[in-house]
Amino acid sequence: MSYGRKSKFDTVIKPNLELIDGWLRTGITERDIARRLHIAHSTFQAYKRQFPDFSDRLKKGRELADIQIENALFRAAIGFEVEEIRTEFSDSSRTKSKKVTKVTRKVPGDVVAQIFWLKNRCPGKWHDRREIKKK
C-alpha cells in the first residue's frame, strides 16, 4: 500500500514535462534528462515502460526537433526570402513623418549546408574521396 504517497513520476516528471520537451529540442539524451531531474536512468526507463503516454511524448519531442532542424538545414541549403519592415523618420522644418515599407530580402543558399545535405543524402555520389581503379 502506498498510503497516499506520490511516486517520483508525479513529483518529478509531471511538473517538468515542458522542461523535458525543451531539453529534447536541444538534443539532450534521456540519460542526461534523468540526471538533470535527479533520478536514476533506470527509473526514467521504467517510467517510459509504465506510462506509454510519457514514452510517446518523448518520441514526438525528438521527432519534432529533428524535423525542425531538417527543415532549417534545407532552407539554409536552398536559400530563402525574408520580409523585413523598415521604418524611416523624416524631420523637416514643418512636419515630422514616418514611412513604413516592407522589403523582401533574398538570403542565398549556404554552400556548407548544401555539401552536408548531399554527402548525407547521396553518399555514393557525393563524398570526399573518389576511388581510382588501377589497371
Protein backbone atom coordinates (compact mmCIF):
# COMPACT_ATOMS: atom_id res chain seq x y z
CA MET A 1 0.00 0.00 0.00
CA SER A 2 1.22 3.46 -0.82
CA TYR A 3 -0.89 5.34 1.79
CA GLY A 4 -1.32 8.38 -0.47
CA ARG A 5 2.39 8.70 -1.17
CA LYS A 6 3.14 10.01 -4.66
CA SER A 7 5.73 8.46 -6.93
CA LYS A 8 8.64 10.37 -8.38
CA PHE A 9 6.75 10.31 -11.66
CA ASP A 10 4.09 12.51 -10.04
CA THR A 11 6.52 14.74 -8.16
CA VAL A 12 9.45 14.95 -10.60
CA ILE A 13 8.35 14.05 -14.13
CA LYS A 14 4.85 15.53 -14.39
CA PRO A 15 5.73 19.01 -13.10
CA ASN A 16 8.68 19.17 -15.53
CA LEU A 17 7.09 17.91 -18.76
CA GLU A 18 7.50 21.24 -20.57
CA LEU A 19 11.11 21.50 -19.41
CA ILE A 20 11.74 17.95 -20.66
CA ASP A 21 10.18 18.91 -24.01
CA GLY A 22 12.61 21.83 -24.21
CA TRP A 23 15.58 19.63 -23.40
CA LEU A 24 14.54 17.19 -26.12
CA ARG A 25 14.50 20.03 -28.65
CA THR A 26 18.12 20.78 -27.79
CA GLY A 27 19.13 17.17 -28.46
CA ILE A 28 19.90 16.19 -24.89
CA THR A 29 19.94 12.44 -24.18
CA GLU A 30 17.47 10.67 -21.93
CA ARG A 31 20.35 9.77 -19.61
CA ASP A 32 21.14 13.48 -19.21
CA ILE A 33 17.48 14.32 -18.70
CA ALA A 34 17.32 11.78 -15.88
CA ARG A 35 20.49 13.24 -14.39
CA ARG A 36 19.05 16.77 -14.52
CA LEU A 37 15.89 15.53 -12.81
CA HIS A 38 17.99 13.79 -10.14
CA ILE A 39 16.57 10.36 -10.86
CA ALA A 40 18.29 7.18 -12.00
CA HIS A 41 18.34 6.46 -15.71
CA SER A 42 16.81 3.06 -14.95
CA THR A 43 13.91 4.81 -13.18
CA PHE A 44 13.43 7.06 -16.21
CA GLN A 45 13.35 3.98 -18.47
CA ALA A 46 10.86 2.27 -16.14
CA TYR A 47 8.56 5.30 -16.35
CA LYS A 48 8.68 5.10 -20.15
CA ARG A 49 7.51 1.46 -19.95
CA GLN A 50 4.95 2.17 -17.23
CA PHE A 51 3.45 5.30 -18.82
CA PRO A 52 3.04 4.89 -22.61
CA ASP A 53 1.81 8.49 -22.97
CA PHE A 54 5.09 9.69 -21.47
CA SER A 55 7.09 7.47 -23.83
CA ASP A 56 5.07 8.77 -26.82
CA ARG A 57 5.66 12.36 -25.71
CA LEU A 58 9.43 11.79 -25.60
CA LYS A 59 9.39 10.20 -29.06
CA LYS A 60 7.32 13.01 -30.57
CA GLY A 61 9.54 15.63 -28.93
CA ARG A 62 12.65 14.15 -30.52
CA GLU A 63 10.94 13.75 -33.89
CA LEU A 64 9.67 17.34 -33.85
CA ALA A 65 13.14 18.66 -33.08
CA ASP A 66 14.66 16.55 -35.87
CA ILE A 67 12.07 17.75 -38.37
CA GLN A 68 12.61 21.39 -37.42
CA ILE A 69 16.37 21.06 -37.85
CA GLU A 70 15.96 19.22 -41.15
CA ASN A 71 13.68 21.98 -42.41
CA ALA A 72 16.11 24.68 -41.27
CA LEU A 73 19.03 22.88 -42.95
CA PHE A 74 17.06 22.50 -46.17
CA ARG A 75 16.05 26.19 -46.15
CA ALA A 76 19.65 27.21 -45.49
CA ALA A 77 20.85 24.98 -48.34
CA ILE A 78 18.44 26.30 -50.98
CA GLY A 79 18.16 29.88 -49.74
CA PHE A 80 15.01 31.71 -48.81
CA GLU A 81 13.33 35.07 -48.76
CA VAL A 82 12.66 37.08 -45.64
CA GLU A 83 10.32 40.02 -45.34
CA GLU A 84 11.65 42.97 -43.37
CA ILE A 85 9.76 46.01 -42.20
CA ARG A 86 11.75 49.23 -42.38
CA THR A 87 10.74 52.45 -40.71
CA GLU A 88 12.11 55.79 -41.87
CA PHE A 89 11.57 59.00 -39.98
CA SER A 90 11.92 62.43 -41.51
CA ASP A 91 12.00 65.63 -39.56
CA SER A 92 11.62 68.59 -41.84
CA SER A 93 11.23 72.12 -40.55
CA ARG A 94 7.43 71.96 -40.78
CA THR A 95 6.38 68.33 -40.25
CA LYS A 96 7.50 65.08 -38.82
CA SER A 97 6.65 61.96 -40.76
CA LYS A 98 7.13 58.25 -40.55
CA LYS A 99 7.32 55.95 -43.56
CA VAL A 100 6.95 52.19 -43.12
CA THR A 101 7.93 49.93 -46.00
CA LYS A 102 8.09 46.17 -46.45
CA VAL A 103 11.19 44.89 -48.19
CA THR A 104 11.75 41.31 -49.32
CA ARG A 105 15.36 40.25 -48.98
CA LYS A 106 16.82 37.11 -50.60
CA VAL A 107 19.13 35.02 -48.41
CA PRO A 108 21.33 32.93 -50.72
CA GLY A 109 21.85 29.20 -50.27
CA ASP A 110 24.61 28.17 -47.89
CA VAL A 111 27.28 26.07 -49.62
CA VAL A 112 28.27 24.24 -46.42
CA ALA A 113 24.63 23.22 -45.83
CA GLN A 114 24.43 22.05 -49.45
CA ILE A 115 27.56 19.93 -49.12
CA PHE A 116 26.37 18.45 -45.82
CA TRP A 117 22.98 17.61 -47.33
CA LEU A 118 24.45 15.99 -50.44
CA LYS A 119 27.06 13.95 -48.58
CA ASN A 120 24.42 12.56 -46.26
CA ARG A 121 21.58 12.10 -48.75
CA CYS A 122 23.66 10.86 -51.70
CA PRO A 123 26.84 9.38 -50.19
CA GLY A 124 27.55 7.16 -53.21
CA LYS A 125 27.70 10.20 -55.43
CA TRP A 126 28.93 12.90 -53.04
CA HIS A 127 31.87 12.11 -50.79
CA ASP A 128 35.34 13.49 -50.19
CA ARG A 129 37.35 10.77 -51.87
CA ARG A 130 36.88 9.13 -55.23
CA GLU A 131 38.08 5.59 -55.68
CA ILE A 132 40.56 5.28 -58.52
CA LYS A 133 40.68 1.84 -60.03
CA LYS A 134 44.15 0.70 -61.03
CA LYS A 135 44.52 -1.34 -64.19
